[in-house]
Amino acid sequence: MQRLTRSKLYAMVWSRPLTHLAKEFDISDVGLAKVCRKHDIPLPGLGHWAKVAAGKKVKTIPLPHPENDSQVDVGERSPTLRALYAQKRGWAKHEKQLLATLPPISVPEVLDSPHRLTKATRKYFEELEAKIVRANARKRSPEIYTPPLGQHGRYTCPASKGFDLTVSLGQLDRALLFLDTLVKALETQGFKVSNNAEGLKNDLKCVEATKDNEGVRFSLSEGYRRRMLSPEELKVVREKWSWASEYEMVPSGKFTFTVNGRESWTERKWIDDSKKLEERLPAILAEFNDLIPRQKQLRLDRAREEEERWKRERNAERARRTRAAQLRQLEEALSEADRLDRLQKLEDYLRQLEEKYSEVNGASPSGNSADWFYLIRKMVENEDPRFPRIEKLVRLNKREPSNIDWIPGEEDDEP
């Protein structure tokens, strides 16, 4: 954490862009902007640095209340955030290196020699479109057709029929062109692409690219958005359903491509934004190639973690049993001490009793009285806990330490 005056921080944020300045404080530009707003430090507006670079004159907002030149703490990123950003930088560098090893690829404008899965998917959607046409003409047809179930104007091709694809009919050609280019490139790089592969559950199927006995599942889906109805459209709809909403959900035209390895925590998504999926195809292919060795390492790491967890649990259980056995030894020793204390008190009582007997009767106990004292003293001697304990300790010396449950083993010292 760095501490500086309010006026100095103001001078710094007006000397260079926040994105550059934030690196000096090891925080994000968003975090630095929050600190400035908290201390009422104005920031340059949008386009300010572009105008400066172009040599244009810019207006500087003066620092409010300059007399209040208090100290400002600009915090560093937390260890978690630092680790996260370091991981992102490492992954970006790794991806760049991986992209350099792959041949260039681009999506063609026209579909040529379609892949078998492309043909199967195209056939599925042609049959689906025919069903929609028949359903729309059902009033003129003697047969009754149920229209296929749509999802806000999109339809899903299951992996058992072709690609795992959810798309509107208007975006079908783009989706098939992208997927066809992808699977051909994968097969060129040694992958085998197939559908009807087992998904997360046995009753689910998926499309999977396999290589070196490792699989990568993938799917493509089009999103949807809210579209407000025009007054004319709303009037028509509410003549049929008076409770109809003022908007409808329609396909967005934006695609999301999802990749999942067979191991957990391997999902990654690419979404249409400033760059279309077609432009991200090299990065997507890089992910497929990277997931193959990464999954193997993840499996090894998980097996090692599981073994370490099992070892910790085993040692904890052994320590618990050892502690319980030690407590039993302590309880036995305390019980023996209590018993010996009672016997010693009894011996004192017998002595005092003999003295009192002699004082009252003028003679020591004799006859049956003497026999009673002899019996009690003999039983005290026989019940002395020290003798059986000594015998146990002698036998204990003949045993190996590893066979004694209350002696901690060497494994219990492992981390």
Foldseek 3Di string as FASTA:
>chain_A
DDKDWLVVLLVVQVVDPLCVVVVVQQDHSVLSVVQCVVVQRDHDDPPQVVCVVVVHDDDDDDRPPPVRGDMGDRHHDDPVVVVVVVVVVVVVVVLVVLLVVDDDAFQDPDDDPFDPLLVQVVVVVVVLVVLQVCQVCVVVDPDHGDRDDADQQWDADALVRHAGEIGHPVCSVVVSSVVRRLVVSLVVVPWDWHWQPADPDNVGIFIWTDDPNWIKTKYKYFAKDKAFDDPVRVVVVCVVPVPDDRIGIHTPSKMKMWIDTPDPPLIDIDIDDPDHVRVCSSSVVSSVVVVVVVVVVVVVVVVVVVVVVVLVVVLVVLVVQLVVLVVVVVVVVVVLVVLQVVLVVVVVVLVVVQVVVCVVVVDGDDDPRVVVSVVSVVVSVVPNVVVVVVVVVVVVVVDDPVPDSNDDDPSNPDD
